[in-house]
C-alpha atoms as a PDB file:
ATOM      1  CA  MET A   1     125.208  38.901 176.733  1.00  0.00           C
ATOM      2  CA  ILE A   2     127.226  36.993 179.349  1.00  0.00           C
ATOM      3  CA  ASP A   3     124.928  38.120 182.170  1.00  0.00           C
ATOM      4  CA  ILE A   4     121.837  37.087 180.187  1.00  0.00           C
ATOM      5  CA  TYR A   5     123.230  33.725 179.045  1.00  0.00           C
ATOM      6  CA  TYR A   6     124.202  32.571 182.534  1.00  0.00           C
ATOM      7  CA  LYS A   7     120.958  33.952 183.964  1.00  0.00           C
ATOM      8  CA  LEU A   8     119.026  31.738 181.523  1.00  0.00           C
ATOM      9  CA  LYS A   9     121.142  28.761 182.599  1.00  0.00           C
ATOM     10  CA  ALA A  10     120.568  29.479 186.311  1.00  0.00           C
ATOM     11  CA  LEU A  11     116.792  29.946 185.853  1.00  0.00           C
ATOM     12  CA  HIS A  12     116.601  26.670 183.895  1.00  0.00           C
ATOM     13  CA  GLU A  13     118.499  24.823 186.633  1.00  0.00           C
ATOM     14  CA  GLU A  14     115.909  26.069 189.144  1.00  0.00           C
ATOM     15  CA  GLY A  15     113.119  24.541 187.021  1.00  0.00           C
ATOM     16  CA  ILE A  16     111.792  27.769 185.521  1.00  0.00           C
ATOM     17  CA  LYS A  17     110.078  27.500 182.115  1.00  0.00           C
ATOM     18  CA  ILE A  18     111.469  30.245 179.835  1.00  0.00           C
ATOM     19  CA  SER A  19     110.156  31.888 176.673  1.00  0.00           C
ATOM     20  CA  LEU A  20     113.047  33.907 175.242  1.00  0.00           C
ATOM     21  CA  HIS A  21     112.409  36.847 172.893  1.00  0.00           C
ATOM     22  CA  CYS A  22     115.554  38.006 171.024  1.00  0.00           C
ATOM     23  CA  PHE A  23     116.277  40.809 168.584  1.00  0.00           C
ATOM     24  CA  GLU A  24     118.470  39.412 165.819  1.00  0.00           C
ATOM     25  CA  TYR A  25     121.019  41.590 164.032  1.00  0.00           C
ATOM     26  CA  GLY A  26     123.996  39.671 162.725  1.00  0.00           C
ATOM     27  CA  ARG A  27     124.842  37.070 165.344  1.00  0.00           C
ATOM     28  CA  GLY A  28     122.470  34.461 163.967  1.00  0.00           C
ATOM     29  CA  GLN A  29     120.105  32.090 165.726  1.00  0.00           C
ATOM     30  CA  LYS A  30     121.736  29.954 168.395  1.00  0.00           C
ATOM     31  CA  LYS A  31     120.604  26.346 168.832  1.00  0.00           C
ATOM     32  CA  GLU A  32     122.334  26.248 172.215  1.00  0.00           C
ATOM     33  CA  LEU A  33     119.696  28.565 173.733  1.00  0.00           C
ATOM     34  CA  GLU A  34     117.121  25.799 173.297  1.00  0.00           C
ATOM     35  CA  LYS A  35     118.885  23.844 176.063  1.00  0.00           C
ATOM     36  CA  PHE A  36     117.595  26.383 178.588  1.00  0.00           C
ATOM     37  CA  CYS A  37     114.460  27.809 176.969  1.00  0.00           C
ATOM     38  CA  ASP A  38     111.096  26.218 176.291  1.00  0.00           C
ATOM     39  CA  THR A  39     110.609  28.496 173.284  1.00  0.00           C
ATOM     40  CA  VAL A  40     112.894  31.007 171.518  1.00  0.00           C
ATOM     41  CA  PHE A  41     111.468  33.782 169.338  1.00  0.00           C
ATOM     42  CA  TYR A  42     113.621  35.925 167.041  1.00  0.00           C
ATOM     43  CA  TYR A  43     112.717  39.385 165.737  1.00  0.00           C
ATOM     44  CA  LYS A  44     114.548  41.489 163.190  1.00  0.00           C
ATOM     45  CA  ARG A  45     115.971  44.638 164.748  1.00  0.00           C
ATOM     46  CA  ARG A  46     114.958  47.754 162.813  1.00  0.00           C
ATOM     47  CA  ALA A  47     118.337  49.113 161.660  1.00  0.00           C
ATOM     48  CA  ASN A  48     116.772  52.190 160.044  1.00  0.00           C
ATOM     49  CA  LYS A  49     118.903  55.343 160.070  1.00  0.00           C
ATOM     50  CA  HIS A  50     115.743  57.463 160.171  1.00  0.00           C
ATOM     51  CA  LEU A  51     115.307  56.271 163.758  1.00  0.00           C
ATOM     52  CA  LEU A  52     118.363  58.364 164.681  1.00  0.00           C
ATOM     53  CA  PHE A  53     116.097  61.413 164.369  1.00  0.00           C
ATOM     54  CA  ASN A  54     113.393  59.888 166.579  1.00  0.00           C
ATOM     55  CA  SER A  55     112.790  61.393 170.028  1.00  0.00           C
ATOM     56  CA  SER A  56     113.301  57.919 171.548  1.00  0.00           C
ATOM     57  CA  PRO A  57     116.828  56.507 171.875  1.00  0.00           C
ATOM     58  CA  TYR A  58     117.937  54.560 168.802  1.00  0.00           C
ATOM     59  CA  ILE A  59     118.810  51.492 170.890  1.00  0.00           C
ATOM     60  CA  VAL A  60     115.191  51.491 172.141  1.00  0.00           C
ATOM     61  CA  SER A  61     113.159  52.484 169.063  1.00  0.00           C
ATOM     62  CA  SER A  62     115.028  49.920 166.931  1.00  0.00           C
ATOM     63  CA  ARG A  63     113.679  47.220 169.268  1.00  0.00           C
ATOM     64  CA  LYS A  64     109.980  47.964 168.788  1.00  0.00           C
ATOM     65  CA  SER A  65     108.012  44.905 167.627  1.00  0.00           C
ATOM     66  CA  GLU A  66     104.275  44.281 167.303  1.00  0.00           C
ATOM     67  CA  GLU A  67     105.089  40.652 166.532  1.00  0.00           C
ATOM     68  CA  MET A  68     106.778  40.363 169.932  1.00  0.00           C
ATOM     69  CA  ILE A  69     103.773  41.896 171.706  1.00  0.00           C
ATOM     70  CA  SER A  70     101.514  39.422 169.899  1.00  0.00           C
ATOM     71  CA  ASN A  71     103.665  36.530 171.158  1.00  0.00           C
ATOM     72  CA  LEU A  72     103.847  37.917 174.704  1.00  0.00           C
ATOM     73  CA  LEU A  73     100.031  38.042 174.838  1.00  0.00           C
ATOM     74  CA  LYS A  74      99.803  34.283 174.175  1.00  0.00           C
ATOM     75  CA  ASP A  75     100.650  33.572 177.826  1.00  0.00           C
ATOM     76  CA  ASN A  76     100.447  35.278 181.203  1.00  0.00           C
ATOM     77  CA  PHE A  77     104.051  34.802 182.370  1.00  0.00           C
ATOM     78  CA  PRO A  78     105.963  37.567 184.166  1.00  0.00           C
ATOM     79  CA  VAL A  79     108.149  39.552 181.760  1.00  0.00           C
ATOM     80  CA  LEU A  80     111.848  40.216 182.366  1.00  0.00           C
ATOM     81  CA  PHE A  81     113.071  43.152 180.243  1.00  0.00           C
ATOM     82  CA  GLU A  82     116.842  42.929 179.684  1.00  0.00           C
ATOM     83  CA  GLY A  83     118.190  46.465 179.820  1.00  0.00           C
ATOM     84  CA  LEU A  84     116.627  49.833 179.064  1.00  0.00           C
ATOM     85  CA  HIS A  85     117.251  48.891 175.396  1.00  0.00           C
ATOM     86  CA  CYS A  86     114.282  46.513 175.480  1.00  0.00           C
ATOM     87  CA  CYS A  87     111.805  48.747 177.341  1.00  0.00           C
ATOM     88  CA  PHE A  88     109.941  50.302 174.396  1.00  0.00           C
ATOM     89  CA  HIS A  89     106.837  48.277 175.324  1.00  0.00           C
ATOM     90  CA  LEU A  90     107.220  48.526 179.116  1.00  0.00           C
ATOM     91  CA  ASN A  91     104.259  50.912 179.431  1.00  0.00           C
ATOM     92  CA  ASP A  92     102.153  49.217 176.722  1.00  0.00           C
ATOM     93  CA  ALA A  93      98.522  49.073 177.944  1.00  0.00           C
ATOM     94  CA  ARG A  94      98.247  45.476 176.689  1.00  0.00           C
ATOM     95  CA  LEU A  95     100.819  44.427 179.317  1.00  0.00           C
ATOM     96  CA  LYS A  96      99.167  46.424 182.102  1.00  0.00           C
ATOM     97  CA  ASN A  97      98.270  43.409 184.238  1.00  0.00           C
ATOM     98  CA  ARG A  98     101.550  41.528 183.768  1.00  0.00           C
ATOM     99  CA  LYS A  99     104.357  41.334 186.317  1.00  0.00           C
ATOM    100  CA  LYS A 100     107.197  43.374 184.758  1.00  0.00           C
ATOM    101  CA  VAL A 101     110.810  43.343 185.977  1.00  0.00           C
ATOM    102  CA  VAL A 102     113.584  45.375 184.326  1.00  0.00           C
ATOM    103  CA  ARG A 103     117.220  44.268 184.552  1.00  0.00           C
ATOM    104  CA  MET A 104     119.470  47.348 184.316  1.00  0.00           C
ATOM    105  CA  HIS A 105     122.987  46.563 183.051  1.00  0.00           C
ATOM    106  CA  ASN A 106     124.183  50.170 183.444  1.00  0.00           C
ATOM    107  CA  ILE A 107     122.926  53.639 184.151  1.00  0.00           C
ATOM    108  CA  GLU A 108     122.605  53.884 180.395  1.00  0.00           C
ATOM    109  CA  HIS A 109     122.739  57.655 179.912  1.00  0.00           C
ATOM    110  CA  ALA A 110     125.905  57.840 182.045  1.00  0.00           C
ATOM    111  CA  TYR A 111     127.423  54.940 180.109  1.00  0.00           C
ATOM    112  CA  TYR A 112     126.721  56.586 176.749  1.00  0.00           C
ATOM    113  CA  ALA A 113     128.016  59.958 177.970  1.00  0.00           C
ATOM    114  CA  ASN A 114     131.273  58.231 178.893  1.00  0.00           C
ATOM    115  CA  LEU A 115     131.420  56.512 175.499  1.00  0.00           C
ATOM    116  CA  ALA A 116     131.103  59.961 173.916  1.00  0.00           C
ATOM    117  CA  HIS A 117     133.890  61.288 176.119  1.00  0.00           C
ATOM    118  CA  VAL A 118     136.450  58.697 174.940  1.00  0.00           C
ATOM    119  CA  GLU A 119     135.268  58.458 171.291  1.00  0.00           C
ATOM    120  CA  LYS A 120     137.585  60.021 168.687  1.00  0.00           C
ATOM    121  CA  SER A 121     135.329  59.793 165.629  1.00  0.00           C
ATOM    122  CA  PHE A 122     133.334  63.036 165.347  1.00  0.00           C
ATOM    123  CA  PHE A 123     130.161  61.346 164.096  1.00  0.00           C
ATOM    124  CA  ARG A 124     130.226  58.510 166.637  1.00  0.00           C
ATOM    125  CA  LYS A 125     130.870  61.043 169.422  1.00  0.00           C
ATOM    126  CA  LYS A 126     127.804  63.056 168.342  1.00  0.00           C
ATOM    127  CA  TYR A 127     125.723  59.876 168.185  1.00  0.00           C
ATOM    128  CA  PHE A 128     126.724  58.879 171.736  1.00  0.00           C
ATOM    129  CA  GLU A 129     126.066  62.408 173.043  1.00  0.00           C
ATOM    130  CA  GLN A 130     122.577  62.533 171.521  1.00  0.00           C
ATOM    131  CA  GLU A 131     121.786  59.004 172.653  1.00  0.00           C
ATOM    132  CA  ALA A 132     122.860  59.867 176.226  1.00  0.00           C
ATOM    133  CA  LYS A 133     120.414  62.805 176.334  1.00  0.00           C
ATOM    134  CA  LYS A 134     117.577  60.687 174.938  1.00  0.00           C
ATOM    135  CA  LEU A 135     118.311  57.814 177.332  1.00  0.00           C
ATOM    136  CA  GLU A 136     118.262  60.129 180.359  1.00  0.00           C
ATOM    137  CA  LYS A 137     114.818  61.371 179.346  1.00  0.00           C
ATOM    138  CA  PHE A 138     113.511  57.911 178.409  1.00  0.00           C
ATOM    139  CA  GLU A 139     114.633  56.335 181.695  1.00  0.00           C
ATOM    140  CA  SER A 140     111.459  57.590 183.439  1.00  0.00           C
ATOM    141  CA  ILE A 141     109.606  54.704 181.746  1.00  0.00           C
ATOM    142  CA  LEU A 142     111.001  52.576 184.583  1.00  0.00           C
ATOM    143  CA  LYS A 143     108.181  53.856 186.820  1.00  0.00           C
ATOM    144  CA  HIS A 144     105.964  51.326 184.996  1.00  0.00           C
ATOM    145  CA  ALA A 145     108.094  48.361 186.211  1.00  0.00           C
ATOM    146  CA  ASP A 146     107.081  46.310 189.244  1.00  0.00           C
ATOM    147  CA  SER A 147     110.773  45.869 190.071  1.00  0.00           C
ATOM    148  CA  ILE A 148     114.064  47.296 188.823  1.00  0.00           C
ATOM    149  CA  VAL A 149     117.088  45.028 189.231  1.00  0.00           C
ATOM    150  CA  ALA A 150     120.431  46.851 189.081  1.00  0.00           C
ATOM    151  CA  ILE A 151     123.697  45.042 188.381  1.00  0.00           C
ATOM    152  CA  SER A 152     125.900  46.797 190.970  1.00  0.00           C
ATOM    153  CA  PRO A 153     125.451  48.380 194.420  1.00  0.00           C
ATOM    154  CA  ALA A 154     126.417  51.798 193.008  1.00  0.00           C
ATOM    155  CA  ASP A 155     123.780  51.587 190.258  1.00  0.00           C
ATOM    156  CA  THR A 156     121.217  50.462 192.846  1.00  0.00           C
ATOM    157  CA  ARG A 157     121.854  53.565 194.936  1.00  0.00           C
ATOM    158  CA  ASP A 158     121.609  55.768 191.856  1.00  0.00           C
ATOM    159  CA  LEU A 159     118.297  54.265 190.709  1.00  0.00           C
ATOM    160  CA  SER A 160     116.867  54.213 194.262  1.00  0.00           C
ATOM    161  CA  GLY A 161     117.172  58.002 194.284  1.00  0.00           C
ATOM    162  CA  ARG A 162     114.588  58.147 191.465  1.00  0.00           C
ATOM    163  CA  TYR A 163     112.492  54.986 191.864  1.00  0.00           C
ATOM    164  CA  LYS A 164     111.096  53.177 194.911  1.00  0.00           C
ATOM    165  CA  ASN A 165     111.403  49.615 193.617  1.00  0.00           C
ATOM    166  CA  ALA A 166     115.132  49.204 192.806  1.00  0.00           C
ATOM    167  CA  SER A 167     117.174  46.319 194.210  1.00  0.00           C
ATOM    168  CA  ASN A 168     120.562  44.784 193.497  1.00  0.00           C
ATOM    169  CA  ILE A 169     121.347  41.408 191.930  1.00  0.00           C
ATOM    170  CA  ILE A 170     124.983  41.082 190.877  1.00  0.00           C
ATOM    171  CA  ALA A 171     125.955  39.990 187.347  1.00  0.00           C
ATOM    172  CA  PHE A 172     125.527  36.346 186.373  1.00  0.00           C
ATOM    173  CA  HIS A 173     128.785  34.823 185.153  1.00  0.00           C
ATOM    174  CA  PRO A 174     130.434  31.571 183.955  1.00  0.00           C
ATOM    175  CA  HIS A 175     132.111  30.584 187.225  1.00  0.00           C
ATOM    176  CA  ASP A 176     130.763  28.183 189.854  1.00  0.00           C
ATOM    177  CA  LYS A 177     133.931  27.888 191.940  1.00  0.00           C
ATOM    178  CA  ILE A 178     137.361  29.413 192.560  1.00  0.00           C
ATOM    179  CA  GLU A 179     139.905  27.813 190.198  1.00  0.00           C
ATOM    180  CA  ILE A 180     143.277  29.509 190.691  1.00  0.00           C
ATOM    181  CA  LYS A 181     146.467  27.818 189.463  1.00  0.00           C
ATOM    182  CA  GLU A 182     149.287  27.167 191.884  1.00  0.00           C
ATOM    183  CA  GLY A 183     152.711  28.642 191.288  1.00  0.00           C
ATOM    184  CA  LYS A 184     153.686  31.873 189.547  1.00  0.00           C
ATOM    185  CA  GLY A 185     153.185  33.259 186.070  1.00  0.00           C
ATOM    186  CA  ASN A 186     155.719  35.365 184.182  1.00  0.00           C
ATOM    187  CA  PHE A 187     153.495  38.006 182.567  1.00  0.00           C
ATOM    188  CA  ALA A 188     150.744  40.522 183.267  1.00  0.00           C
ATOM    189  CA  LEU A 189     147.475  40.503 181.291  1.00  0.00           C
ATOM    190  CA  TYR A 190     144.945  43.108 180.209  1.00  0.00           C
ATOM    191  CA  HIS A 191     141.905  41.772 178.347  1.00  0.00           C
ATOM    192  CA  GLY A 192     138.717  43.268 176.945  1.00  0.00           C
ATOM    193  CA  SER A 193     136.934  44.171 173.719  1.00  0.00           C
ATOM    194  CA  LEU A 194     139.466  46.630 172.311  1.00  0.00           C
ATOM    195  CA  SER A 195     137.003  48.121 169.830  1.00  0.00           C
ATOM    196  CA  VAL A 196     135.197  49.712 172.802  1.00  0.00           C
ATOM    197  CA  GLY A 197     136.604  53.198 173.412  1.00  0.00           C
ATOM    198  CA  GLU A 198     136.842  52.698 177.176  1.00  0.00           C
ATOM    199  CA  ASN A 199     138.955  49.531 176.782  1.00  0.00           C
ATOM    200  CA  ASN A 200     141.115  51.093 174.070  1.00  0.00           C
ATOM    201  CA  LYS A 201     141.860  53.989 176.430  1.00  0.00           C
ATOM    202  CA  ALA A 202     142.793  51.611 179.277  1.00  0.00           C
ATOM    203  CA  ALA A 203     145.080  49.544 177.013  1.00  0.00           C
ATOM    204  CA  LEU A 204     146.791  52.707 175.705  1.00  0.00           C
ATOM    205  CA  TYR A 205     147.327  53.873 179.277  1.00  0.00           C
ATOM    206  CA  LEU A 206     149.061  50.596 180.154  1.00  0.00           C
ATOM    207  CA  ALA A 207     151.196  50.632 176.990  1.00  0.00           C
ATOM    208  CA  ASN A 208     152.195  54.302 177.122  1.00  0.00           C
ATOM    209  CA  GLU A 209     152.360  55.114 180.822  1.00  0.00           C
ATOM    210  CA  ILE A 210     152.949  51.887 182.761  1.00  0.00           C
ATOM    211  CA  PHE A 211     154.750  49.144 180.823  1.00  0.00           C
ATOM    212  CA  ASN A 212     156.756  51.592 178.703  1.00  0.00           C
ATOM    213  CA  ASP A 213     159.398  51.627 181.454  1.00  0.00           C
ATOM    214  CA  VAL A 214     158.482  48.533 183.512  1.00  0.00           C
ATOM    215  CA  ASN A 215     160.465  45.595 182.170  1.00  0.00           C
ATOM    216  CA  ILE A 216     157.703  43.044 182.760  1.00  0.00           C
ATOM    217  CA  PRO A 217     155.930  41.232 179.874  1.00  0.00           C
ATOM    218  CA  LEU A 218     152.391  42.508 179.253  1.00  0.00           C
ATOM    219  CA  VAL A 219     149.882  40.644 177.077  1.00  0.00           C
ATOM    220  CA  ILE A 220     146.945  42.677 175.745  1.00  0.00           C
ATOM    221  CA  ALA A 221     144.174  40.366 174.539  1.00  0.00           C
ATOM    222  CA  GLY A 222     140.977  41.241 172.696  1.00  0.00           C
ATOM    223  CA  ASN A 223     139.480  42.005 169.301  1.00  0.00           C
ATOM    224  CA  GLY A 224     139.375  45.290 167.410  1.00  0.00           C
ATOM    225  CA  ALA A 225     142.631  46.944 168.490  1.00  0.00           C
ATOM    226  CA  SER A 226     142.967  50.470 167.104  1.00  0.00           C
ATOM    227  CA  ALA A 227     145.843  51.526 164.859  1.00  0.00           C
ATOM    228  CA  GLU A 228     146.991  53.826 167.665  1.00  0.00           C
ATOM    229  CA  LEU A 229     147.123  50.944 170.139  1.00  0.00           C
ATOM    230  CA  LYS A 230     149.002  48.673 167.696  1.00  0.00           C
ATOM    231  CA  LYS A 231     151.552  51.424 167.123  1.00  0.00           C
ATOM    232  CA  SER A 232     152.077  51.862 170.887  1.00  0.00           C
ATOM    233  CA  ILE A 233     152.510  48.105 171.352  1.00  0.00           C
ATOM    234  CA  GLN A 234     155.125  47.925 168.582  1.00  0.00           C
ATOM    235  CA  LYS A 235     157.253  50.507 170.405  1.00  0.00           C
ATOM    236  CA  ASN A 236     157.612  48.222 173.441  1.00  0.00           C
ATOM    237  CA  LYS A 237     159.355  44.849 173.106  1.00  0.00           C
ATOM    238  CA  ASN A 238     157.816  43.634 176.383  1.00  0.00           C
ATOM    239  CA  ILE A 239     154.197  44.151 175.173  1.00  0.00           C
ATOM    240  CA  SER A 240     152.395  41.726 172.863  1.00  0.00           C
ATOM    241  CA  LEU A 241     148.914  41.738 171.337  1.00  0.00           C
ATOM    242  CA  LYS A 242     146.682  38.677 170.993  1.00  0.00           C
ATOM    243  CA  GLU A 243     143.680  39.245 168.718  1.00  0.00           C
ATOM    244  CA  ASN A 244     140.897  36.992 167.418  1.00  0.00           C
ATOM    245  CA  ILE A 245     141.306  34.355 170.110  1.00  0.00           C
ATOM    246  CA  SER A 246     138.569  32.204 171.636  1.00  0.00           C
ATOM    247  CA  THR A 247     136.943  32.619 175.041  1.00  0.00           C
ATOM    248  CA  GLN A 248     138.802  29.521 176.250  1.00  0.00           C
ATOM    249  CA  GLU A 249     142.118  31.035 175.170  1.00  0.00           C
ATOM    250  CA  ILE A 250     141.235  34.223 177.069  1.00  0.00           C
ATOM    251  CA  TYR A 251     140.463  32.191 180.198  1.00  0.00           C
ATOM    252  CA  SER A 252     143.755  30.315 179.801  1.00  0.00           C
ATOM    253  CA  LEU A 253     145.617  33.645 179.720  1.00  0.00           C
ATOM    254  CA  VAL A 254     143.694  34.874 182.787  1.00  0.00           C
ATOM    255  CA  GLN A 255     144.655  31.707 184.693  1.00  0.00           C
ATOM    256  CA  ASN A 256     148.303  31.664 183.656  1.00  0.00           C
ATOM    257  CA  ALA A 257     149.086  35.354 184.178  1.00  0.00           C
ATOM    258  CA  GLN A 258     150.868  36.343 187.364  1.00  0.00           C
ATOM    259  CA  ILE A 259     148.870  39.600 187.401  1.00  0.00           C
ATOM    260  CA  ASN A 260     145.555  40.541 185.814  1.00  0.00           C
ATOM    261  CA  ILE A 261     145.754  44.307 185.456  1.00  0.00           C
ATOM    262  CA  LEU A 262     142.403  45.982 184.807  1.00  0.00           C
ATOM    263  CA  PRO A 263     142.235  49.762 185.008  1.00  0.00           C
ATOM    264  CA  THR A 264     139.155  51.588 183.739  1.00  0.00           C
ATOM    265  CA  PHE A 265     138.188  55.219 183.381  1.00  0.00           C
ATOM    266  CA  GLN A 266     134.449  54.552 183.452  1.00  0.00           C
ATOM    267  CA  ALA A 267     132.853  53.568 186.769  1.00  0.00           C
ATOM    268  CA  THR A 268     129.607  52.059 185.426  1.00  0.00           C
ATOM    269  CA  GLY A 269     127.918  48.744 186.169  1.00  0.00           C
ATOM    270  CA  ILE A 270     130.189  45.888 187.128  1.00  0.00           C
ATOM    271  CA  LYS A 271     132.881  44.493 184.858  1.00  0.00           C
ATOM    272  CA  LEU A 272     132.488  40.777 184.178  1.00  0.00           C
ATOM    273  CA  LYS A 273     136.156  40.517 183.204  1.00  0.00           C
ATOM    274  CA  LEU A 274     136.992  41.524 186.794  1.00  0.00           C
ATOM    275  CA  LEU A 275     134.835  38.690 188.165  1.00  0.00           C
ATOM    276  CA  SER A 276     136.583  36.216 185.845  1.00  0.00           C
ATOM    277  CA  ALA A 277     139.992  37.491 186.961  1.00  0.00           C
ATOM    278  CA  LEU A 278     139.019  36.983 190.615  1.00  0.00           C
ATOM    279  CA  TYR A 279     137.485  33.528 190.123  1.00  0.00           C
ATOM    280  CA  ILE A 280     140.304  32.000 188.057  1.00  0.00           C
ATOM    281  CA  GLY A 281     143.255  34.429 188.081  1.00  0.00           C
ATOM    282  CA  ARG A 282     146.064  35.147 190.519  1.00  0.00           C
ATOM    283  CA  HIS A 283     146.847  38.714 191.637  1.00  0.00           C
ATOM    284  CA  CYS A 284     144.546  41.475 190.410  1.00  0.00           C
ATOM    285  CA  ILE A 285     145.560  45.141 190.127  1.00  0.00           C
ATOM    286  CA  VAL A 286     142.836  47.730 189.431  1.00  0.00           C
ATOM    287  CA  ASN A 287     142.180  51.414 189.914  1.00  0.00           C
ATOM    288  CA  SER A 288     139.324  52.792 192.025  1.00  0.00           C
ATOM    289  CA  PRO A 289     136.748  53.241 189.208  1.00  0.00           C
ATOM    290  CA  MET A 290     136.956  49.500 188.454  1.00  0.00           C
ATOM    291  CA  VAL A 291     135.903  48.370 191.942  1.00  0.00           C
ATOM    292  CA  ILE A 292     134.408  51.276 193.853  1.00  0.00           C
ATOM    293  CA  ASN A 293     131.111  50.288 195.520  1.00  0.00           C
ATOM    294  CA  THR A 294     131.143  46.740 194.084  1.00  0.00           C
ATOM    295  CA  GLY A 295     132.018  44.775 197.235  1.00  0.00           C
ATOM    296  CA  LEU A 296     135.136  43.454 195.478  1.00  0.00           C
ATOM    297  CA  GLU A 297     137.517  46.037 196.929  1.00  0.00           C
ATOM    298  CA  PRO A 298     139.130  43.672 199.525  1.00  0.00           C
ATOM    299  CA  LEU A 299     140.107  41.209 196.776  1.00  0.00           C
ATOM    300  CA  CYS A 300     142.127  43.612 194.607  1.00  0.00           C
ATOM    301  CA  SER A 301     145.249  45.733 194.792  1.00  0.00           C
ATOM    302  CA  ILE A 302     143.914  49.248 194.183  1.00  0.00           C
ATOM    303  CA  THR A 303     146.313  51.829 192.724  1.00  0.00           C
ATOM    304  CA  ASP A 304     145.331  55.230 191.387  1.00  0.00           C
ATOM    305  CA  SER A 305     148.564  56.674 190.047  1.00  0.00           C
ATOM    306  CA  SER A 306     151.072  55.450 187.481  1.00  0.00           C
ATOM    307  CA  SER A 307     153.869  55.326 190.058  1.00  0.00           C
ATOM    308  CA  GLU A 308     151.761  53.280 192.528  1.00  0.00           C
ATOM    309  CA  MET A 309     150.723  50.867 189.787  1.00  0.00           C
ATOM    310  CA  LYS A 310     154.326  50.311 188.668  1.00  0.00           C
ATOM    311  CA  LYS A 311     155.467  49.604 192.249  1.00  0.00           C
ATOM    312  CA  GLU A 312     152.606  47.134 192.776  1.00  0.00           C
ATOM    313  CA  ILE A 313     153.379  45.292 189.534  1.00  0.00           C
ATOM    314  CA  LEU A 314     157.033  44.846 190.536  1.00  0.00           C
ATOM    315  CA  ARG A 315     156.025  43.697 194.037  1.00  0.00           C
ATOM    316  CA  LEU A 316     153.382  41.165 192.980  1.00  0.00           C
ATOM    317  CA  MET A 317     155.496  39.605 190.223  1.00  0.00           C
ATOM    318  CA  ASN A 318     157.604  38.098 193.017  1.00  0.00           C
ATOM    319  CA  PHE A 319     154.788  36.651 195.160  1.00  0.00           C
ATOM    320  CA  SER A 320     152.947  33.380 194.718  1.00  0.00           C
ATOM    321  CA  PHE A 321     149.188  33.589 195.268  1.00  0.00           C
ATOM    322  CA  ASP A 322     148.697  32.098 198.742  1.00  0.00           C
ATOM    323  CA  GLU A 323     145.940  30.001 200.326  1.00  0.00           C
ATOM    324  CA  GLY A 324     144.851  32.853 202.602  1.00  0.00           C
ATOM    325  CA  GLU A 325     144.054  35.066 199.611  1.00  0.00           C
ATOM    326  CA  LYS A 326     142.152  32.198 197.980  1.00  0.00           C
ATOM    327  CA  GLN A 327     140.025  31.709 201.122  1.00  0.00           C
ATOM    328  CA  LYS A 328     139.279  35.443 201.215  1.00  0.00           C
ATOM    329  CA  ARG A 329     137.962  35.227 197.647  1.00  0.00           C
ATOM    330  CA  GLU A 330     135.851  32.162 198.446  1.00  0.00           C
ATOM    331  CA  LYS A 331     134.270  33.929 201.414  1.00  0.00           C
ATOM    332  CA  ILE A 332     133.133  36.915 199.329  1.00  0.00           C
ATOM    333  CA  LEU A 333     132.591  35.464 195.837  1.00  0.00           C
ATOM    334  CA  GLN A 334     130.814  32.253 196.786  1.00  0.00           C
ATOM    335  CA  VAL A 335     128.252  34.130 198.875  1.00  0.00           C
ATOM    336  CA  THR A 336     127.514  37.532 197.340  1.00  0.00           C
ATOM    337  CA  PHE A 337     128.399  36.620 193.745  1.00  0.00           C
ATOM    338  CA  SER A 338     126.964  33.090 193.557  1.00  0.00           C
ATOM    339  CA  ASN A 339     124.670  32.505 190.551  1.00  0.00           C
ATOM    340  CA  LYS A 340     122.538  30.106 192.596  1.00  0.00           C
ATOM    341  CA  THR A 341     121.996  32.645 195.384  1.00  0.00           C
ATOM    342  CA  ASN A 342     121.242  35.463 192.967  1.00  0.00           C
ATOM    343  CA  VAL A 343     118.867  33.552 190.704  1.00  0.00           C
ATOM    344  CA  ARG A 344     116.707  32.746 193.735  1.00  0.00           C
ATOM    345  CA  LYS A 345     116.506  36.475 194.511  1.00  0.00           C
ATOM    346  CA  LEU A 346     115.393  37.083 190.914  1.00  0.00           C
ATOM    347  CA  ILE A 347     112.774  34.311 191.057  1.00  0.00           C
ATOM    348  CA  ALA A 348     111.318  35.876 194.210  1.00  0.00           C
ATOM    349  CA  LEU A 349     110.866  39.183 192.350  1.00  0.00           C
ATOM    350  CA  LEU A 350     109.351  37.536 189.278  1.00  0.00           C
ATOM    351  CA  PHE A 351     106.864  35.289 191.065  1.00  0.00           C
END
């Protein structure tokens, strides 16, 4: 959602007229989108459990809409499909002569296989496993796209092995400039949607294997913390949980932390929380799966064992973030990760 929102904003700022087609399922219609879009269409997503037994992935078949096709045929604009989720109509004969670009946010079958791996609910695990198999088979529909736009260099290489028209445009994000606070913070921060199995696993790792015997305050911020995670946090006086807080409060924590610590056990796509940490946060500690093949490796402290991570936390808690490190970030982020640069690449593909 973040990538799409800031992509709309960047396209609008370049003078592009946008017709936005959204599938609505609980978040409601957003007046704010009208600031960037000439027209906004909403369609009800088909939340029918019978679709689980369809040969197509549920996330795809539930986004089938004849009403949307009817609206698309009212103009001759190029069509940007956001994610494999929205590609049910990619090979529709009625769109045969349209320019069609697909934005890939992940290698979806790999992402769903990883969700299955970390999921503890038997039924959700089975759902993710089946969806992964269906997504792998369905992905071949991408041969009908004029261009495939991957979100990370690693995903680009993966897709280029199967399709001839894949290129890389990094995630769009909220940050136009580097805004790092001077001085030092007195805590480390992990943030993410804690209801996602991958993030729950990372937070549990930090609570149980890192900060359990490192006497440094850790704040874990995000919604949907599991009972297991809450129990682990309660065991450690130096760990606190912040739930149900606003985006601005999250950004305030990112800015004020001495260390943003962001391990992951799923090397897919590119993590927008990492970009935020690098644009507005001080020191950033990650493990290899978080940054490998992203171009962000020089900007992070990379540690791949519990002992290395503990040593790096203790070291960085004593160091102010210096001007040299800030300049290094500006050199990489303001070129490769600039929304303005990347939206012009996208416009060239669309038109």
